[in-house]
Amino acid sequence: MPTMTREIAAKLVKEHGKNEKDSGNPRTQIALLTHRIAEITEHLKVHKKDKHTRRGLTTLVAQRRRLLNYMTRTDLEGYRALIKQLDLRR
């Protein structure tokens, strides 16, 4: 199962948070979720019948969607910058 190492998480928090301890920021949470979603998507390409992981992926995508909706209400410019930075819209 793909995992996120502490180094990767720390790098994402440092890039998207206000400081290296700012893991509660919606920008940081969205970046962490995006990384996990990408890892799980790669896992599911190999293991097509892994229904439990697919359900977890659906949960993570919904959580990220809720956070993105929150950002549109509170910080529209930050939302647009994050979408562009993480390449979420095509």
PDB file of N, CA and C in Angstrom:
ATOM      1  N   MET A   1       0.842  -1.178   0.000  1.00  0.00           N
ATOM      2  CA  MET A   1       0.000   0.000   0.000  1.00  0.00           C
ATOM      3  C   MET A   1       0.888   1.242   0.000  1.00  0.00           C
ATOM      4  N   PRO A   2       0.585   2.215  -0.813  1.00  0.00           N
ATOM      5  CA  PRO A   2       1.401   3.426  -0.839  1.00  0.00           C
ATOM      6  C   PRO A   2       1.284   4.201   0.467  1.00  0.00           C
ATOM      7  N   THR A   3       2.392   4.763   0.875  1.00  0.00           N
ATOM      8  CA  THR A   3       2.379   5.541   2.108  1.00  0.00           C
ATOM      9  C   THR A   3       3.056   6.873   1.874  1.00  0.00           C
ATOM     10  N   MET A   4       2.696   7.814   2.717  1.00  0.00           N
ATOM     11  CA  MET A   4       3.326   9.123   2.659  1.00  0.00           C
ATOM     12  C   MET A   4       4.367   9.172   3.774  1.00  0.00           C
ATOM     13  N   THR A   5       5.603   9.400   3.419  1.00  0.00           N
ATOM     14  CA  THR A   5       6.652   9.463   4.425  1.00  0.00           C
ATOM     15  C   THR A   5       6.610  10.804   5.141  1.00  0.00           C
ATOM     16  N   ARG A   6       7.262  10.852   6.276  1.00  0.00           N
ATOM     17  CA  ARG A   6       7.308  12.095   7.042  1.00  0.00           C
ATOM     18  C   ARG A   6       8.014  13.194   6.260  1.00  0.00           C
ATOM     19  N   GLU A   7       9.014  12.804   5.480  1.00  0.00           N
ATOM     20  CA  GLU A   7       9.759  13.798   4.717  1.00  0.00           C
ATOM     21  C   GLU A   7       8.875  14.452   3.653  1.00  0.00           C
ATOM     22  N   ILE A   8       8.075  13.625   2.973  1.00  0.00           N
ATOM     23  CA  ILE A   8       7.188  14.161   1.941  1.00  0.00           C
ATOM     24  C   ILE A   8       6.137  15.068   2.579  1.00  0.00           C
ATOM     25  N   ALA A   9       5.561  14.616   3.689  1.00  0.00           N
ATOM     26  CA  ALA A   9       4.551  15.422   4.377  1.00  0.00           C
ATOM     27  C   ALA A   9       5.150  16.740   4.868  1.00  0.00           C
ATOM     28  N   ALA A  10       6.352  16.676   5.425  1.00  0.00           N
ATOM     29  CA  ALA A  10       6.999  17.889   5.911  1.00  0.00           C
ATOM     30  C   ALA A  10       7.279  18.855   4.762  1.00  0.00           C
ATOM     31  N   LYS A  11       7.685  18.326   3.615  1.00  0.00           N
ATOM     32  CA  LYS A  11       7.957  19.164   2.448  1.00  0.00           C
ATOM     33  C   LYS A  11       6.679  19.855   1.972  1.00  0.00           C
ATOM     34  N   LEU A  12       5.571  19.105   1.918  1.00  0.00           N
ATOM     35  CA  LEU A  12       4.307  19.680   1.482  1.00  0.00           C
ATOM     36  C   LEU A  12       3.801  20.732   2.469  1.00  0.00           C
ATOM     37  N   VAL A  13       3.970  20.470   3.770  1.00  0.00           N
ATOM     38  CA  VAL A  13       3.544  21.439   4.780  1.00  0.00           C
ATOM     39  C   VAL A  13       4.377  22.709   4.664  1.00  0.00           C
ATOM     40  N   LYS A  14       5.674  22.550   4.444  1.00  0.00           N
ATOM     41  CA  LYS A  14       6.556  23.715   4.323  1.00  0.00           C
ATOM     42  C   LYS A  14       6.222  24.540   3.080  1.00  0.00           C
ATOM     43  N   GLU A  15       5.881  23.859   1.970  1.00  0.00           N
ATOM     44  CA  GLU A  15       5.562  24.559   0.722  1.00  0.00           C
ATOM     45  C   GLU A  15       4.238  25.313   0.809  1.00  0.00           C
ATOM     46  N   HIS A  16       3.228  24.705   1.411  1.00  0.00           N
ATOM     47  CA  HIS A  16       1.879  25.258   1.346  1.00  0.00           C
ATOM     48  C   HIS A  16       1.416  25.915   2.640  1.00  0.00           C
ATOM     49  N   GLY A  17       2.104  25.665   3.744  1.00  0.00           N
ATOM     50  CA  GLY A  17       1.703  26.279   5.002  1.00  0.00           C
ATOM     51  C   GLY A  17       2.404  27.598   5.235  1.00  0.00           C
ATOM     52  N   LYS A  18       2.012  28.259   6.297  1.00  0.00           N
ATOM     53  CA  LYS A  18       2.660  29.527   6.639  1.00  0.00           C
ATOM     54  C   LYS A  18       4.027  29.292   7.260  1.00  0.00           C
ATOM     55  N   ASN A  19       4.189  28.153   7.937  1.00  0.00           N
ATOM     56  CA  ASN A  19       5.481  27.742   8.474  1.00  0.00           C
ATOM     57  C   ASN A  19       5.540  26.217   8.452  1.00  0.00           C
ATOM     58  N   GLU A  20       6.620  25.634   8.972  1.00  0.00           N
ATOM     59  CA  GLU A  20       6.794  24.187   8.866  1.00  0.00           C
ATOM     60  C   GLU A  20       5.897  23.392   9.808  1.00  0.00           C
ATOM     61  N   LYS A  21       5.197  24.064  10.720  1.00  0.00           N
ATOM     62  CA  LYS A  21       4.292  23.380  11.646  1.00  0.00           C
ATOM     63  C   LYS A  21       2.822  23.611  11.300  1.00  0.00           C
ATOM     64  N   ASP A  22       2.537  24.302  10.218  1.00  0.00           N
ATOM     65  CA  ASP A  22       1.175  24.712   9.872  1.00  0.00           C
ATOM     66  C   ASP A  22       0.470  23.625   9.058  1.00  0.00           C
ATOM     67  N   SER A  23       0.119  22.523   9.715  1.00  0.00           N
ATOM     68  CA  SER A  23      -0.532  21.426   9.003  1.00  0.00           C
ATOM     69  C   SER A  23      -2.047  21.545   9.003  1.00  0.00           C
ATOM     70  N   GLY A  24      -2.618  22.498   9.740  1.00  0.00           N
ATOM     71  CA  GLY A  24      -4.059  22.647   9.800  1.00  0.00           C
ATOM     72  C   GLY A  24      -4.629  23.600   8.774  1.00  0.00           C
ATOM     73  N   ASN A  25      -3.773  24.314   8.090  1.00  0.00           N
ATOM     74  CA  ASN A  25      -4.188  25.255   7.056  1.00  0.00           C
ATOM     75  C   ASN A  25      -4.906  24.490   5.939  1.00  0.00           C
ATOM     76  N   PRO A  26      -6.043  24.986   5.435  1.00  0.00           N
ATOM     77  CA  PRO A  26      -6.743  24.288   4.350  1.00  0.00           C
ATOM     78  C   PRO A  26      -5.864  24.067   3.117  1.00  0.00           C
ATOM     79  N   ARG A  27      -4.994  25.045   2.793  1.00  0.00           N
ATOM     80  CA  ARG A  27      -4.091  24.866   1.646  1.00  0.00           C
ATOM     81  C   ARG A  27      -3.199  23.642   1.853  1.00  0.00           C
ATOM     82  N   THR A  28      -2.678  23.504   3.064  1.00  0.00           N
ATOM     83  CA  THR A  28      -1.796  22.384   3.390  1.00  0.00           C
ATOM     84  C   THR A  28      -2.562  21.074   3.346  1.00  0.00           C
ATOM     85  N   GLN A  29      -3.746  21.059   3.924  1.00  0.00           N
ATOM     86  CA  GLN A  29      -4.543  19.837   3.940  1.00  0.00           C
ATOM     87  C   GLN A  29      -4.906  19.399   2.537  1.00  0.00           C
ATOM     88  N   ILE A  30      -5.242  20.345   1.671  1.00  0.00           N
ATOM     89  CA  ILE A  30      -5.580  20.014   0.286  1.00  0.00           C
ATOM     90  C   ILE A  30      -4.358  19.450  -0.434  1.00  0.00           C
ATOM     91  N   ALA A  31      -3.192  20.023  -0.199  1.00  0.00           N
ATOM     92  CA  ALA A  31      -1.970  19.517  -0.834  1.00  0.00           C
ATOM     93  C   ALA A  31      -1.658  18.096  -0.358  1.00  0.00           C
ATOM     94  N   LEU A  32      -1.807  17.842   0.946  1.00  0.00           N
ATOM     95  CA  LEU A  32      -1.556  16.502   1.476  1.00  0.00           C
ATOM     96  C   LEU A  32      -2.554  15.493   0.904  1.00  0.00           C
ATOM     97  N   LEU A  33      -3.824  15.885   0.851  1.00  0.00           N
ATOM     98  CA  LEU A  33      -4.840  14.991   0.285  1.00  0.00           C
ATOM     99  C   LEU A  33      -4.573  14.722  -1.192  1.00  0.00           C
ATOM    100  N   THR A  34      -4.152  15.737  -1.926  1.00  0.00           N
ATOM    101  CA  THR A  34      -3.859  15.559  -3.347  1.00  0.00           C
ATOM    102  C   THR A  34      -2.738  14.552  -3.552  1.00  0.00           C
ATOM    103  N   HIS A  35      -1.719  14.624  -2.706  1.00  0.00           N
ATOM    104  CA  HIS A  35      -0.616  13.670  -2.809  1.00  0.00           C
ATOM    105  C   HIS A  35      -1.101  12.249  -2.520  1.00  0.00           C
ATOM    106  N   ARG A  36      -1.895  12.086  -1.460  1.00  0.00           N
ATOM    107  CA  ARG A  36      -2.420  10.762  -1.117  1.00  0.00           C
ATOM    108  C   ARG A  36      -3.335  10.228  -2.216  1.00  0.00           C
ATOM    109  N   ILE A  37      -4.166  11.099  -2.793  1.00  0.00           N
ATOM    110  CA  ILE A  37      -5.071  10.682  -3.868  1.00  0.00           C
ATOM    111  C   ILE A  37      -4.271  10.197  -5.067  1.00  0.00           C
ATOM    112  N   ALA A  38      -3.199  10.892  -5.394  1.00  0.00           N
ATOM    113  CA  ALA A  38      -2.361  10.479  -6.531  1.00  0.00           C
ATOM    114  C   ALA A  38      -1.715   9.118  -6.274  1.00  0.00           C
ATOM    115  N   GLU A  39      -1.237   8.897  -5.041  1.00  0.00           N
ATOM    116  CA  GLU A  39      -0.624   7.602  -4.706  1.00  0.00           C
ATOM    117  C   GLU A  39      -1.650   6.475  -4.787  1.00  0.00           C
ATOM    118  N   ILE A  40      -2.826   6.700  -4.256  1.00  0.00           N
ATOM    119  CA  ILE A  40      -3.850   5.656  -4.248  1.00  0.00           C
ATOM    120  C   ILE A  40      -4.353   5.390  -5.661  1.00  0.00           C
ATOM    121  N   THR A  41      -4.424   6.418  -6.486  1.00  0.00           N
ATOM    122  CA  THR A  41      -4.838   6.232  -7.875  1.00  0.00           C
ATOM    123  C   THR A  41      -3.856   5.317  -8.606  1.00  0.00           C
ATOM    124  N   GLU A  42      -2.554   5.524  -8.375  1.00  0.00           N
ATOM    125  CA  GLU A  42      -1.546   4.654  -8.989  1.00  0.00           C
ATOM    126  C   GLU A  42      -1.692   3.220  -8.485  1.00  0.00           C
ATOM    127  N   HIS A  43      -1.976   3.045  -7.204  1.00  0.00           N
ATOM    128  CA  HIS A  43      -2.178   1.718  -6.630  1.00  0.00           C
ATOM    129  C   HIS A  43      -3.369   1.028  -7.304  1.00  0.00           C
ATOM    130  N   LEU A  44      -4.443   1.786  -7.515  1.00  0.00           N
ATOM    131  CA  LEU A  44      -5.648   1.188  -8.091  1.00  0.00           C
ATOM    132  C   LEU A  44      -5.492   0.863  -9.575  1.00  0.00           C
ATOM    133  N   LYS A  45      -4.546   1.503 -10.252  1.00  0.00           N
ATOM    134  CA  LYS A  45      -4.296   1.135 -11.645  1.00  0.00           C
ATOM    135  C   LYS A  45      -3.743  -0.280 -11.737  1.00  0.00           C
ATOM    136  N   VAL A  46      -2.977  -0.681 -10.720  1.00  0.00           N
ATOM    137  CA  VAL A  46      -2.397  -2.026 -10.699  1.00  0.00           C
ATOM    138  C   VAL A  46      -3.385  -3.033 -10.103  1.00  0.00           C
ATOM    139  N   HIS A  47      -4.034  -2.636  -9.009  1.00  0.00           N
ATOM    140  CA  HIS A  47      -4.935  -3.530  -8.272  1.00  0.00           C
ATOM    141  C   HIS A  47      -6.373  -3.093  -8.518  1.00  0.00           C
ATOM    142  N   LYS A  48      -6.910  -3.477  -9.665  1.00  0.00           N
ATOM    143  CA  LYS A  48      -8.216  -2.994 -10.096  1.00  0.00           C
ATOM    144  C   LYS A  48      -9.367  -3.470  -9.217  1.00  0.00           C
ATOM    145  N   LYS A  49      -9.213  -4.596  -8.547  1.00  0.00           N
ATOM    146  CA  LYS A  49     -10.316  -5.150  -7.755  1.00  0.00           C
ATOM    147  C   LYS A  49     -10.247  -4.815  -6.271  1.00  0.00           C
ATOM    148  N   ASP A  50      -9.411  -3.898  -5.909  1.00  0.00           N
ATOM    149  CA  ASP A  50      -9.259  -3.502  -4.509  1.00  0.00           C
ATOM    150  C   ASP A  50     -10.372  -2.508  -4.147  1.00  0.00           C
ATOM    151  N   LYS A  51     -11.519  -3.057  -3.785  1.00  0.00           N
ATOM    152  CA  LYS A  51     -12.705  -2.235  -3.540  1.00  0.00           C
ATOM    153  C   LYS A  51     -12.587  -1.406  -2.263  1.00  0.00           C
ATOM    154  N   HIS A  52     -11.916  -1.920  -1.244  1.00  0.00           N
ATOM    155  CA  HIS A  52     -11.766  -1.187   0.013  1.00  0.00           C
ATOM    156  C   HIS A  52     -10.945   0.087  -0.193  1.00  0.00           C
ATOM    157  N   THR A  53      -9.884  -0.033  -0.954  1.00  0.00           N
ATOM    158  CA  THR A  53      -9.058   1.142  -1.224  1.00  0.00           C
ATOM    159  C   THR A  53      -9.804   2.136  -2.102  1.00  0.00           C
ATOM    160  N   ARG A  54     -10.610   1.630  -3.027  1.00  0.00           N
ATOM    161  CA  ARG A  54     -11.393   2.517  -3.891  1.00  0.00           C
ATOM    162  C   ARG A  54     -12.380   3.344  -3.062  1.00  0.00           C
ATOM    163  N   ARG A  55     -12.974   2.723  -2.050  1.00  0.00           N
ATOM    164  CA  ARG A  55     -13.900   3.451  -1.182  1.00  0.00           C
ATOM    165  C   ARG A  55     -13.143   4.521  -0.393  1.00  0.00           C
ATOM    166  N   GLY A  56     -11.948   4.176   0.087  1.00  0.00           N
ATOM    167  CA  GLY A  56     -11.133   5.164   0.789  1.00  0.00           C
ATOM    168  C   GLY A  56     -10.764   6.330  -0.105  1.00  0.00           C
ATOM    169  N   LEU A  57     -10.468   6.034  -1.374  1.00  0.00           N
ATOM    170  CA  LEU A  57     -10.153   7.089  -2.339  1.00  0.00           C
ATOM    171  C   LEU A  57     -11.343   8.024  -2.516  1.00  0.00           C
ATOM    172  N   THR A  58     -12.528   7.452  -2.621  1.00  0.00           N
ATOM    173  CA  THR A  58     -13.738   8.260  -2.761  1.00  0.00           C
ATOM    174  C   THR A  58     -13.916   9.181  -1.560  1.00  0.00           C
ATOM    175  N   THR A  59     -13.629   8.670  -0.366  1.00  0.00           N
ATOM    176  CA  THR A  59     -13.725   9.474   0.850  1.00  0.00           C
ATOM    177  C   THR A  59     -12.725  10.620   0.828  1.00  0.00           C
ATOM    178  N   LEU A  60     -11.491  10.349   0.410  1.00  0.00           N
ATOM    179  CA  LEU A  60     -10.473  11.394   0.355  1.00  0.00           C
ATOM    180  C   LEU A  60     -10.827  12.468  -0.664  1.00  0.00           C
ATOM    181  N   VAL A  61     -11.358  12.062  -1.803  1.00  0.00           N
ATOM    182  CA  VAL A  61     -11.740  13.028  -2.836  1.00  0.00           C
ATOM    183  C   VAL A  61     -12.865  13.917  -2.318  1.00  0.00           C
ATOM    184  N   ALA A  62     -13.826  13.329  -1.600  1.00  0.00           N
ATOM    185  CA  ALA A  62     -14.930  14.117  -1.046  1.00  0.00           C
ATOM    186  C   ALA A  62     -14.422  15.091   0.011  1.00  0.00           C
ATOM    187  N   GLN A  63     -13.485  14.653   0.824  1.00  0.00           N
ATOM    188  CA  GLN A  63     -12.914  15.533   1.851  1.00  0.00           C
ATOM    189  C   GLN A  63     -12.180  16.707   1.204  1.00  0.00           C
ATOM    190  N   ARG A  64     -11.404  16.416   0.154  1.00  0.00           N
ATOM    191  CA  ARG A  64     -10.699  17.487  -0.552  1.00  0.00           C
ATOM    192  C   ARG A  64     -11.689  18.451  -1.200  1.00  0.00           C
ATOM    193  N   ARG A  65     -12.779  17.918  -1.742  1.00  0.00           N
ATOM    194  CA  ARG A  65     -13.802  18.765  -2.358  1.00  0.00           C
ATOM    195  C   ARG A  65     -14.421  19.714  -1.328  1.00  0.00           C
ATOM    196  N   ARG A  66     -14.694  19.205  -0.117  1.00  0.00           N
ATOM    197  CA  ARG A  66     -15.246  20.051   0.943  1.00  0.00           C
ATOM    198  C   ARG A  66     -14.272  21.160   1.323  1.00  0.00           C
ATOM    199  N   LEU A  67     -12.991  20.828   1.425  1.00  0.00           N
ATOM    200  CA  LEU A  67     -11.992  21.841   1.748  1.00  0.00           C
ATOM    201  C   LEU A  67     -11.870  22.878   0.629  1.00  0.00           C
ATOM    202  N   LEU A  68     -11.942  22.428  -0.616  1.00  0.00           N
ATOM    203  CA  LEU A  68     -11.885  23.368  -1.733  1.00  0.00           C
ATOM    204  C   LEU A  68     -13.106  24.285  -1.738  1.00  0.00           C
ATOM    205  N   ASN A  69     -14.286  23.752  -1.417  1.00  0.00           N
ATOM    206  CA  ASN A  69     -15.485  24.585  -1.321  1.00  0.00           C
ATOM    207  C   ASN A  69     -15.323  25.619  -0.213  1.00  0.00           C
ATOM    208  N   TYR A  70     -14.735  25.222   0.902  1.00  0.00           N
ATOM    209  CA  TYR A  70     -14.482  26.154   2.002  1.00  0.00           C
ATOM    210  C   TYR A  70     -13.556  27.275   1.543  1.00  0.00           C
ATOM    211  N   MET A  71     -12.522  26.911   0.788  1.00  0.00           N
ATOM    212  CA  MET A  71     -11.586  27.939   0.311  1.00  0.00           C
ATOM    213  C   MET A  71     -12.241  28.902  -0.669  1.00  0.00           C
ATOM    214  N   THR A  72     -13.181  28.418  -1.485  1.00  0.00           N
ATOM    215  CA  THR A  72     -13.863  29.330  -2.407  1.00  0.00           C
ATOM    216  C   THR A  72     -14.680  30.354  -1.638  1.00  0.00           C
ATOM    217  N   ARG A  73     -15.243  29.956  -0.496  1.00  0.00           N
ATOM    218  CA  ARG A  73     -16.034  30.884   0.311  1.00  0.00           C
ATOM    219  C   ARG A  73     -15.155  31.877   1.063  1.00  0.00           C
ATOM    220  N   THR A  74     -13.990  31.447   1.510  1.00  0.00           N
ATOM    221  CA  THR A  74     -13.185  32.282   2.398  1.00  0.00           C
ATOM    222  C   THR A  74     -12.044  33.014   1.698  1.00  0.00           C
ATOM    223  N   ASP A  75     -11.412  32.372   0.698  1.00  0.00           N
ATOM    224  CA  ASP A  75     -10.221  32.952   0.064  1.00  0.00           C
ATOM    225  C   ASP A  75     -10.207  32.562  -1.410  1.00  0.00           C
ATOM    226  N   LEU A  76     -10.961  33.287  -2.215  1.00  0.00           N
ATOM    227  CA  LEU A  76     -11.123  32.923  -3.625  1.00  0.00           C
ATOM    228  C   LEU A  76      -9.802  33.012  -4.397  1.00  0.00           C
ATOM    229  N   GLU A  77      -9.022  34.058  -4.148  1.00  0.00           N
ATOM    230  CA  GLU A  77      -7.744  34.198  -4.856  1.00  0.00           C
ATOM    231  C   GLU A  77      -6.772  33.081  -4.454  1.00  0.00           C
ATOM    232  N   GLY A  78      -6.744  32.750  -3.179  1.00  0.00           N
ATOM    233  CA  GLY A  78      -5.911  31.647  -2.715  1.00  0.00           C
ATOM    234  C   GLY A  78      -6.343  30.328  -3.320  1.00  0.00           C
ATOM    235  N   TYR A  79      -7.651  30.149  -3.466  1.00  0.00           N
ATOM    236  CA  TYR A  79      -8.208  28.947  -4.101  1.00  0.00           C
ATOM    237  C   TYR A  79      -7.725  28.835  -5.543  1.00  0.00           C
ATOM    238  N   ARG A  80      -7.826  29.936  -6.274  1.00  0.00           N
ATOM    239  CA  ARG A  80      -7.407  29.915  -7.687  1.00  0.00           C
ATOM    240  C   ARG A  80      -5.915  29.641  -7.824  1.00  0.00           C
ATOM    241  N   ALA A  81      -5.119  30.221  -6.931  1.00  0.00           N
ATOM    242  CA  ALA A  81      -3.677  29.990  -6.974  1.00  0.00           C
ATOM    243  C   ALA A  81      -3.349  28.531  -6.646  1.00  0.00           C
ATOM    244  N   LEU A  82      -4.045  27.977  -5.669  1.00  0.00           N
ATOM    245  CA  LEU A  82      -3.795  26.588  -5.276  1.00  0.00           C
ATOM    246  C   LEU A  82      -4.197  25.618  -6.376  1.00  0.00           C
ATOM    247  N   ILE A  83      -5.320  25.869  -7.023  1.00  0.00           N
ATOM    248  CA  ILE A  83      -5.769  25.025  -8.131  1.00  0.00           C
ATOM    249  C   ILE A  83      -4.719  25.015  -9.239  1.00  0.00           C
ATOM    250  N   LYS A  84      -4.193  26.189  -9.533  1.00  0.00           N
ATOM    251  CA  LYS A  84      -3.179  26.291 -10.579  1.00  0.00           C
ATOM    252  C   LYS A  84      -1.885  25.602 -10.149  1.00  0.00           C
ATOM    253  N   GLN A  85      -1.503  25.792  -8.890  1.00  0.00           N
ATOM    254  CA  GLN A  85      -0.245  25.239  -8.385  1.00  0.00           C
ATOM    255  C   GLN A  85      -0.289  23.713  -8.330  1.00  0.00           C
ATOM    256  N   LEU A  86      -1.420  23.152  -7.891  1.00  0.00           N
ATOM    257  CA  LEU A  86      -1.538  21.699  -7.772  1.00  0.00           C
ATOM    258  C   LEU A  86      -2.020  21.044  -9.069  1.00  0.00           C
ATOM    259  N   ASP A  87      -2.377  21.858 -10.063  1.00  0.00           N
ATOM    260  CA  ASP A  87      -2.843  21.370 -11.369  1.00  0.00           C
ATOM    261  C   ASP A  87      -4.061  20.448 -11.198  1.00  0.00           C
ATOM    262  N   LEU A  88      -5.086  20.962 -10.497  1.00  0.00           N
ATOM    263  CA  LEU A  88      -6.278  20.158 -10.243  1.00  0.00           C
ATOM    264  C   LEU A  88      -7.308  20.257 -11.356  1.00  0.00           C
ATOM    265  N   ARG A  89      -7.363  21.365 -12.052  1.00  0.00           N
ATOM    266  CA  ARG A  89      -8.325  21.521 -13.154  1.00  0.00           C
ATOM    267  C   ARG A  89      -7.578  21.400 -14.466  1.00  0.00           C
ATOM    268  N   ARG A  90      -8.200  20.749 -15.403  1.00  0.00           N
ATOM    269  CA  ARG A  90      -7.564  20.583 -16.713  1.00  0.00           C
ATOM    270  C   ARG A  90      -8.376  21.217 -17.785  1.00  0.00           C
TER     271      ARG A  90
END
